[in-house]
Amino acid sequence: MHISLTPELESRIKAKVESGLYNNASEVIREALRFMDTHEDWIHQVKLALLRDQLKVGTDQLDRGEDIAIESKAMLDSLFDDIKG
């Protein structure tokens, strides 16, 4: 596999190796990819938690009788437009 890096990225990788934390550039890249995977998992968990919070708000509103009747496709479209912001 061949990858092209900007001079800045090459310099950052070399600095990591020279720091002694990594034995070679491959270790730096592997660690960066692991970090990226962890970060993506964290973002997914944050989004999921926010969605759960929003669903809780909605179900609480329904429990209090604060629901609205959707009587037409136009009303549903309007509701989704409001949600999208």
PDB file of N, CA and C in Angstrom:
ATOM      1  N   MET A   1       0.848  -1.170   0.000  1.00  0.00           N
ATOM      2  CA  MET A   1       0.000   0.000   0.000  1.00  0.00           C
ATOM      3  C   MET A   1       0.895   1.234   0.000  1.00  0.00           C
ATOM      4  N   HIS A   2       0.448   2.216  -0.759  1.00  0.00           N
ATOM      5  CA  HIS A   2       1.194   3.463  -0.829  1.00  0.00           C
ATOM      6  C   HIS A   2       0.252   4.606  -0.457  1.00  0.00           C
ATOM      7  N   ILE A   3       0.697   5.456   0.449  1.00  0.00           N
ATOM      8  CA  ILE A   3      -0.097   6.625   0.814  1.00  0.00           C
ATOM      9  C   ILE A   3       0.739   7.883   0.633  1.00  0.00           C
ATOM     10  N   SER A   4       0.064   8.933   0.201  1.00  0.00           N
ATOM     11  CA  SER A   4       0.734  10.224   0.031  1.00  0.00           C
ATOM     12  C   SER A   4       0.360  11.110   1.209  1.00  0.00           C
ATOM     13  N   LEU A   5       1.356  11.732   1.792  1.00  0.00           N
ATOM     14  CA  LEU A   5       1.135  12.628   2.923  1.00  0.00           C
ATOM     15  C   LEU A   5       1.695  14.001   2.602  1.00  0.00           C
ATOM     16  N   THR A   6       1.090  14.998   3.178  1.00  0.00           N
ATOM     17  CA  THR A   6       1.633  16.346   3.036  1.00  0.00           C
ATOM     18  C   THR A   6       2.948  16.409   3.817  1.00  0.00           C
ATOM     19  N   PRO A   7       3.810  17.343   3.485  1.00  0.00           N
ATOM     20  CA  PRO A   7       5.051  17.487   4.252  1.00  0.00           C
ATOM     21  C   PRO A   7       4.788  17.704   5.748  1.00  0.00           C
ATOM     22  N   GLU A   8       3.742  18.441   6.074  1.00  0.00           N
ATOM     23  CA  GLU A   8       3.408  18.672   7.486  1.00  0.00           C
ATOM     24  C   GLU A   8       3.081  17.361   8.203  1.00  0.00           C
ATOM     25  N   LEU A   9       2.280  16.508   7.556  1.00  0.00           N
ATOM     26  CA  LEU A   9       1.937  15.228   8.179  1.00  0.00           C
ATOM     27  C   LEU A   9       3.163  14.337   8.315  1.00  0.00           C
ATOM     28  N   GLU A  10       3.999  14.322   7.295  1.00  0.00           N
ATOM     29  CA  GLU A  10       5.234  13.536   7.381  1.00  0.00           C
ATOM     30  C   GLU A  10       6.083  14.012   8.548  1.00  0.00           C
ATOM     31  N   SER A  11       6.169  15.318   8.696  1.00  0.00           N
ATOM     32  CA  SER A  11       6.958  15.895   9.792  1.00  0.00           C
ATOM     33  C   SER A  11       6.369  15.496  11.147  1.00  0.00           C
ATOM     34  N   ARG A  12       5.069  15.515  11.260  1.00  0.00           N
ATOM     35  CA  ARG A  12       4.426  15.140  12.529  1.00  0.00           C
ATOM     36  C   ARG A  12       4.674  13.671  12.852  1.00  0.00           C
ATOM     37  N   ILE A  13       4.630  12.821  11.848  1.00  0.00           N
ATOM     38  CA  ILE A  13       4.891  11.397  12.062  1.00  0.00           C
ATOM     39  C   ILE A  13       6.344  11.184  12.480  1.00  0.00           C
ATOM     40  N   LYS A  14       7.248  11.838  11.785  1.00  0.00           N
ATOM     41  CA  LYS A  14       8.671  11.719  12.136  1.00  0.00           C
ATOM     42  C   LYS A  14       8.918  12.192  13.564  1.00  0.00           C
ATOM     43  N   ALA A  15       8.247  13.268  13.960  1.00  0.00           N
ATOM     44  CA  ALA A  15       8.415  13.789  15.326  1.00  0.00           C
ATOM     45  C   ALA A  15       7.928  12.781  16.355  1.00  0.00           C
ATOM     46  N   LYS A  16       6.840  12.086  16.062  1.00  0.00           N
ATOM     47  CA  LYS A  16       6.334  11.060  16.989  1.00  0.00           C
ATOM     48  C   LYS A  16       7.343   9.925  17.141  1.00  0.00           C
ATOM     49  N   VAL A  17       7.914   9.497  16.018  1.00  0.00           N
ATOM     50  CA  VAL A  17       8.919   8.426  16.064  1.00  0.00           C
ATOM     51  C   VAL A  17      10.149   8.910  16.823  1.00  0.00           C
ATOM     52  N   GLU A  18      10.601  10.118  16.524  1.00  0.00           N
ATOM     53  CA  GLU A  18      11.790  10.663  17.186  1.00  0.00           C
ATOM     54  C   GLU A  18      11.582  10.885  18.681  1.00  0.00           C
ATOM     55  N   SER A  19      10.313  11.030  19.101  1.00  0.00           N
ATOM     56  CA  SER A  19      10.036  11.221  20.533  1.00  0.00           C
ATOM     57  C   SER A  19      10.299   9.946  21.329  1.00  0.00           C
ATOM     58  N   GLY A  20      10.374   8.826  20.611  1.00  0.00           N
ATOM     59  CA  GLY A  20      10.602   7.546  21.270  1.00  0.00           C
ATOM     60  C   GLY A  20       9.326   6.819  21.658  1.00  0.00           C
ATOM     61  N   LEU A  21       8.186   7.455  21.456  1.00  0.00           N
ATOM     62  CA  LEU A  21       6.910   6.808  21.793  1.00  0.00           C
ATOM     63  C   LEU A  21       6.555   5.695  20.808  1.00  0.00           C
ATOM     64  N   TYR A  22       7.094   5.790  19.589  1.00  0.00           N
ATOM     65  CA  TYR A  22       6.805   4.811  18.543  1.00  0.00           C
ATOM     66  C   TYR A  22       8.125   4.371  17.924  1.00  0.00           C
ATOM     67  N   ASN A  23       8.157   3.121  17.465  1.00  0.00           N
ATOM     68  CA  ASN A  23       9.367   2.593  16.839  1.00  0.00           C
ATOM     69  C   ASN A  23       9.493   2.988  15.376  1.00  0.00           C
ATOM     70  N   ASN A  24       8.345   3.212  14.722  1.00  0.00           N
ATOM     71  CA  ASN A  24       8.385   3.549  13.300  1.00  0.00           C
ATOM     72  C   ASN A  24       7.079   4.233  12.883  1.00  0.00           C
ATOM     73  N   ALA A  25       7.056   4.689  11.637  1.00  0.00           N
ATOM     74  CA  ALA A  25       5.895   5.422  11.122  1.00  0.00           C
ATOM     75  C   ALA A  25       4.644   4.546  11.092  1.00  0.00           C
ATOM     76  N   SER A  26       4.811   3.256  10.833  1.00  0.00           N
ATOM     77  CA  SER A  26       3.653   2.357  10.791  1.00  0.00           C
ATOM     78  C   SER A  26       2.926   2.318  12.137  1.00  0.00           C
ATOM     79  N   GLU A  27       3.681   2.314  13.217  1.00  0.00           N
ATOM     80  CA  GLU A  27       3.061   2.324  14.547  1.00  0.00           C
ATOM     81  C   GLU A  27       2.262   3.610  14.765  1.00  0.00           C
ATOM     82  N   VAL A  28       2.803   4.728  14.290  1.00  0.00           N
ATOM     83  CA  VAL A  28       2.102   6.005  14.436  1.00  0.00           C
ATOM     84  C   VAL A  28       0.782   5.959  13.673  1.00  0.00           C
ATOM     85  N   ILE A  29       0.830   5.466  12.456  1.00  0.00           N
ATOM     86  CA  ILE A  29      -0.375   5.390  11.623  1.00  0.00           C
ATOM     87  C   ILE A  29      -1.395   4.436  12.237  1.00  0.00           C
ATOM     88  N   ARG A  30      -0.948   3.283  12.709  1.00  0.00           N
ATOM     89  CA  ARG A  30      -1.873   2.327  13.335  1.00  0.00           C
ATOM     90  C   ARG A  30      -2.556   2.952  14.546  1.00  0.00           C
ATOM     91  N   GLU A  31      -1.760   3.644  15.379  1.00  0.00           N
ATOM     92  CA  GLU A  31      -2.320   4.298  16.568  1.00  0.00           C
ATOM     93  C   GLU A  31      -3.324   5.370  16.168  1.00  0.00           C
ATOM     94  N   ALA A  32      -3.015   6.121  15.134  1.00  0.00           N
ATOM     95  CA  ALA A  32      -3.934   7.166  14.658  1.00  0.00           C
ATOM     96  C   ALA A  32      -5.247   6.552  14.179  1.00  0.00           C
ATOM     97  N   LEU A  33      -5.156   5.422  13.477  1.00  0.00           N
ATOM     98  CA  LEU A  33      -6.374   4.751  13.003  1.00  0.00           C
ATOM     99  C   LEU A  33      -7.187   4.193  14.167  1.00  0.00           C
ATOM    100  N   ARG A  34      -6.512   3.653  15.178  1.00  0.00           N
ATOM    101  CA  ARG A  34      -7.234   3.176  16.370  1.00  0.00           C
ATOM    102  C   ARG A  34      -7.940   4.338  17.060  1.00  0.00           C
ATOM    103  N   PHE A  35      -7.251   5.468  17.157  1.00  0.00           N
ATOM    104  CA  PHE A  35      -7.847   6.644  17.764  1.00  0.00           C
ATOM    105  C   PHE A  35      -9.069   7.102  16.970  1.00  0.00           C
ATOM    106  N   MET A  36      -8.947   7.075  15.650  1.00  0.00           N
ATOM    107  CA  MET A  36     -10.061   7.481  14.792  1.00  0.00           C
ATOM    108  C   MET A  36     -11.269   6.573  15.021  1.00  0.00           C
ATOM    109  N   ASP A  37     -11.039   5.270  15.112  1.00  0.00           N
ATOM    110  CA  ASP A  37     -12.132   4.335  15.380  1.00  0.00           C
ATOM    111  C   ASP A  37     -12.779   4.620  16.733  1.00  0.00           C
ATOM    112  N   THR A  38     -11.963   4.865  17.740  1.00  0.00           N
ATOM    113  CA  THR A  38     -12.479   5.169  19.073  1.00  0.00           C
ATOM    114  C   THR A  38     -13.288   6.458  19.053  1.00  0.00           C
ATOM    115  N   HIS A  39     -12.780   7.446  18.358  1.00  0.00           N
ATOM    116  CA  HIS A  39     -13.471   8.729  18.250  1.00  0.00           C
ATOM    117  C   HIS A  39     -14.827   8.554  17.562  1.00  0.00           C
ATOM    118  N   GLU A  40     -14.854   7.791  16.475  1.00  0.00           N
ATOM    119  CA  GLU A  40     -16.107   7.548  15.759  1.00  0.00           C
ATOM    120  C   GLU A  40     -17.107   6.820  16.656  1.00  0.00           C
ATOM    121  N   ASP A  41     -16.635   5.843  17.438  1.00  0.00           N
ATOM    122  CA  ASP A  41     -17.516   5.132  18.375  1.00  0.00           C
ATOM    123  C   ASP A  41     -18.066   6.098  19.415  1.00  0.00           C
ATOM    124  N   TRP A  42     -17.216   7.000  19.917  1.00  0.00           N
ATOM    125  CA  TRP A  42     -17.642   7.971  20.911  1.00  0.00           C
ATOM    126  C   TRP A  42     -18.710   8.905  20.335  1.00  0.00           C
ATOM    127  N   ILE A  43     -18.487   9.380  19.113  1.00  0.00           N
ATOM    128  CA  ILE A  43     -19.468  10.257  18.454  1.00  0.00           C
ATOM    129  C   ILE A  43     -20.798   9.526  18.304  1.00  0.00           C
ATOM    130  N   HIS A  44     -20.750   8.278  17.911  1.00  0.00           N
ATOM    131  CA  HIS A  44     -21.970   7.472  17.774  1.00  0.00           C
ATOM    132  C   HIS A  44     -22.701   7.378  19.113  1.00  0.00           C
ATOM    133  N   GLN A  45     -21.968   7.133  20.195  1.00  0.00           N
ATOM    134  CA  GLN A  45     -22.577   7.025  21.525  1.00  0.00           C
ATOM    135  C   GLN A  45     -23.192   8.354  21.965  1.00  0.00           C
ATOM    136  N   VAL A  46     -22.527   9.466  21.665  1.00  0.00           N
ATOM    137  CA  VAL A  46     -23.064  10.788  22.019  1.00  0.00           C
ATOM    138  C   VAL A  46     -24.361  11.042  21.254  1.00  0.00           C
ATOM    139  N   LYS A  47     -24.362  10.746  19.965  1.00  0.00           N
ATOM    140  CA  LYS A  47     -25.568  10.941  19.161  1.00  0.00           C
ATOM    141  C   LYS A  47     -26.706  10.064  19.663  1.00  0.00           C
ATOM    142  N   LEU A  48     -26.386   8.830  20.011  1.00  0.00           N
ATOM    143  CA  LEU A  48     -27.394   7.914  20.524  1.00  0.00           C
ATOM    144  C   LEU A  48     -27.969   8.417  21.850  1.00  0.00           C
ATOM    145  N   ALA A  49     -27.126   8.927  22.725  1.00  0.00           N
ATOM    146  CA  ALA A  49     -27.582   9.465  24.009  1.00  0.00           C
ATOM    147  C   ALA A  49     -28.485  10.678  23.790  1.00  0.00           C
ATOM    148  N   LEU A  50     -28.120  11.553  22.851  1.00  0.00           N
ATOM    149  CA  LEU A  50     -28.959  12.710  22.555  1.00  0.00           C
ATOM    150  C   LEU A  50     -30.305  12.292  22.000  1.00  0.00           C
ATOM    151  N   LEU A  51     -30.308  11.300  21.138  1.00  0.00           N
ATOM    152  CA  LEU A  51     -31.562  10.793  20.581  1.00  0.00           C
ATOM    153  C   LEU A  51     -32.439  10.205  21.683  1.00  0.00           C
ATOM    154  N   ARG A  52     -31.834   9.450  22.589  1.00  0.00           N
ATOM    155  CA  ARG A  52     -32.600   8.891  23.708  1.00  0.00           C
ATOM    156  C   ARG A  52     -33.193   9.993  24.576  1.00  0.00           C
ATOM    157  N   ASP A  53     -32.415  11.053  24.818  1.00  0.00           N
ATOM    158  CA  ASP A  53     -32.921  12.188  25.594  1.00  0.00           C
ATOM    159  C   ASP A  53     -34.115  12.836  24.896  1.00  0.00           C
ATOM    160  N   GLN A  54     -34.009  13.010  23.578  1.00  0.00           N
ATOM    161  CA  GLN A  54     -35.104  13.615  22.825  1.00  0.00           C
ATOM    162  C   GLN A  54     -36.338  12.723  22.834  1.00  0.00           C
ATOM    163  N   LEU A  55     -36.133  11.418  22.726  1.00  0.00           N
ATOM    164  CA  LEU A  55     -37.266  10.493  22.786  1.00  0.00           C
ATOM    165  C   LEU A  55     -37.935  10.541  24.158  1.00  0.00           C
ATOM    166  N   LYS A  56     -37.137  10.675  25.208  1.00  0.00           N
ATOM    167  CA  LYS A  56     -37.687  10.773  26.563  1.00  0.00           C
ATOM    168  C   LYS A  56     -38.550  12.019  26.700  1.00  0.00           C
ATOM    169  N   VAL A  57     -38.064  13.134  26.165  1.00  0.00           N
ATOM    170  CA  VAL A  57     -38.852  14.369  26.195  1.00  0.00           C
ATOM    171  C   VAL A  57     -40.184  14.146  25.480  1.00  0.00           C
ATOM    172  N   GLY A  58     -40.127  13.517  24.323  1.00  0.00           N
ATOM    173  CA  GLY A  58     -41.346  13.259  23.549  1.00  0.00           C
ATOM    174  C   GLY A  58     -42.315  12.341  24.262  1.00  0.00           C
ATOM    175  N   THR A  59     -41.814  11.267  24.841  1.00  0.00           N
ATOM    176  CA  THR A  59     -42.725  10.350  25.541  1.00  0.00           C
ATOM    177  C   THR A  59     -43.299  11.006  26.796  1.00  0.00           C
ATOM    178  N   ASP A  60     -42.501  11.839  27.458  1.00  0.00           N
ATOM    179  CA  ASP A  60     -43.025  12.580  28.617  1.00  0.00           C
ATOM    180  C   ASP A  60     -44.147  13.527  28.189  1.00  0.00           C
ATOM    181  N   GLN A  61     -43.978  14.184  27.045  1.00  0.00           N
ATOM    182  CA  GLN A  61     -45.025  15.063  26.539  1.00  0.00           C
ATOM    183  C   GLN A  61     -46.292  14.268  26.220  1.00  0.00           C
ATOM    184  N   LEU A  62     -46.122  13.109  25.622  1.00  0.00           N
ATOM    185  CA  LEU A  62     -47.286  12.257  25.330  1.00  0.00           C
ATOM    186  C   LEU A  62     -47.979  11.836  26.613  1.00  0.00           C
ATOM    187  N   ASP A  63     -47.200  11.468  27.617  1.00  0.00           N
ATOM    188  CA  ASP A  63     -47.779  11.063  28.903  1.00  0.00           C
ATOM    189  C   ASP A  63     -48.585  12.192  29.542  1.00  0.00           C
ATOM    190  N   ARG A  64     -48.177  13.448  29.298  1.00  0.00           N
ATOM    191  CA  ARG A  64     -48.887  14.598  29.859  1.00  0.00           C
ATOM    192  C   ARG A  64     -50.039  15.049  28.969  1.00  0.00           C
ATOM    193  N   GLY A  65     -50.272  14.335  27.866  1.00  0.00           N
ATOM    194  CA  GLY A  65     -51.357  14.701  26.957  1.00  0.00           C
ATOM    195  C   GLY A  65     -51.029  15.878  26.056  1.00  0.00           C
ATOM    196  N   GLU A  66     -49.763  16.131  25.850  1.00  0.00           N
ATOM    197  CA  GLU A  66     -49.336  17.258  25.025  1.00  0.00           C
ATOM    198  C   GLU A  66     -49.086  16.842  23.573  1.00  0.00           C
ATOM    199  N   ASP A  67     -49.799  15.838  23.122  1.00  0.00           N
ATOM    200  CA  ASP A  67     -49.615  15.361  21.758  1.00  0.00           C
ATOM    201  C   ASP A  67     -50.465  16.192  20.797  1.00  0.00           C
ATOM    202  N   ILE A  68     -50.143  16.075  19.505  1.00  0.00           N
ATOM    203  CA  ILE A  68     -50.926  16.737  18.477  1.00  0.00           C
ATOM    204  C   ILE A  68     -51.366  15.693  17.465  1.00  0.00           C
ATOM    205  N   ALA A  69     -52.553  15.886  16.917  1.00  0.00           N
ATOM    206  CA  ALA A  69     -53.078  14.961  15.912  1.00  0.00           C
ATOM    207  C   ALA A  69     -52.552  15.375  14.543  1.00  0.00           C
ATOM    208  N   ILE A  70     -52.008  14.415  13.814  1.00  0.00           N
ATOM    209  CA  ILE A  70     -51.551  14.653  12.445  1.00  0.00           C
ATOM    210  C   ILE A  70     -52.669  14.177  11.533  1.00  0.00           C
ATOM    211  N   GLU A  71     -53.311  15.128  10.876  1.00  0.00           N
ATOM    212  CA  GLU A  71     -54.504  14.793  10.090  1.00  0.00           C
ATOM    213  C   GLU A  71     -54.266  14.781   8.587  1.00  0.00           C
ATOM    214  N   SER A  72     -53.064  15.192   8.145  1.00  0.00           N
ATOM    215  CA  SER A  72     -52.800  15.191   6.711  1.00  0.00           C
ATOM    216  C   SER A  72     -51.299  15.065   6.466  1.00  0.00           C
ATOM    217  N   LYS A  73     -50.970  14.708   5.248  1.00  0.00           N
ATOM    218  CA  LYS A  73     -49.558  14.626   4.866  1.00  0.00           C
ATOM    219  C   LYS A  73     -48.902  15.996   4.979  1.00  0.00           C
ATOM    220  N   ALA A  74     -49.635  17.046   4.652  1.00  0.00           N
ATOM    221  CA  ALA A  74     -49.088  18.401   4.736  1.00  0.00           C
ATOM    222  C   ALA A  74     -48.711  18.736   6.178  1.00  0.00           C
ATOM    223  N   MET A  75     -49.545  18.331   7.128  1.00  0.00           N
ATOM    224  CA  MET A  75     -49.234  18.581   8.542  1.00  0.00           C
ATOM    225  C   MET A  75     -47.981  17.807   8.952  1.00  0.00           C
ATOM    226  N   LEU A  76     -47.867  16.563   8.475  1.00  0.00           N
ATOM    227  CA  LEU A  76     -46.695  15.751   8.796  1.00  0.00           C
ATOM    228  C   LEU A  76     -45.438  16.357   8.184  1.00  0.00           C
ATOM    229  N   ASP A  77     -45.542  16.782   6.919  1.00  0.00           N
ATOM    230  CA  ASP A  77     -44.407  17.442   6.266  1.00  0.00           C
ATOM    231  C   ASP A  77     -43.977  18.690   7.025  1.00  0.00           C
ATOM    232  N   SER A  78     -44.946  19.463   7.463  1.00  0.00           N
ATOM    233  CA  SER A  78     -44.663  20.682   8.225  1.00  0.00           C
ATOM    234  C   SER A  78     -43.976  20.350   9.539  1.00  0.00           C
ATOM    235  N   LEU A  79     -44.442  19.307  10.206  1.00  0.00           N
ATOM    236  CA  LEU A  79     -43.833  18.881  11.468  1.00  0.00           C
ATOM    237  C   LEU A  79     -42.374  18.488  11.248  1.00  0.00           C
ATOM    238  N   PHE A  80     -42.100  17.711  10.202  1.00  0.00           N
ATOM    239  CA  PHE A  80     -40.731  17.305   9.906  1.00  0.00           C
ATOM    240  C   PHE A  80     -39.868  18.505   9.534  1.00  0.00           C
ATOM    241  N   ASP A  81     -40.458  19.470   8.814  1.00  0.00           N
ATOM    242  CA  ASP A  81     -39.697  20.690   8.501  1.00  0.00           C
ATOM    243  C   ASP A  81     -39.319  21.426   9.774  1.00  0.00           C
ATOM    244  N   ASP A  82     -40.235  21.496  10.731  1.00  0.00           N
ATOM    245  CA  ASP A  82     -39.943  22.143  12.009  1.00  0.00           C
ATOM    246  C   ASP A  82     -38.833  21.413  12.777  1.00  0.00           C
ATOM    247  N   ILE A  83     -38.874  20.095  12.720  1.00  0.00           N
ATOM    248  CA  ILE A  83     -37.859  19.300  13.422  1.00  0.00           C
ATOM    249  C   ILE A  83     -36.486  19.523  12.800  1.00  0.00           C
ATOM    250  N   LYS A  84     -36.448  19.551  11.466  1.00  0.00           N
ATOM    251  CA  LYS A  84     -35.171  19.751  10.767  1.00  0.00           C
ATOM    252  C   LYS A  84     -34.580  21.121  11.073  1.00  0.00           C
ATOM    253  N   GLY A  85     -35.453  22.077  11.342  1.00  0.00           N
ATOM    254  CA  GLY A  85     -34.984  23.432  11.683  1.00  0.00           C
ATOM    255  C   GLY A  85     -34.747  24.203  10.486  1.00  0.00           C
TER     256      GLY A  85
END
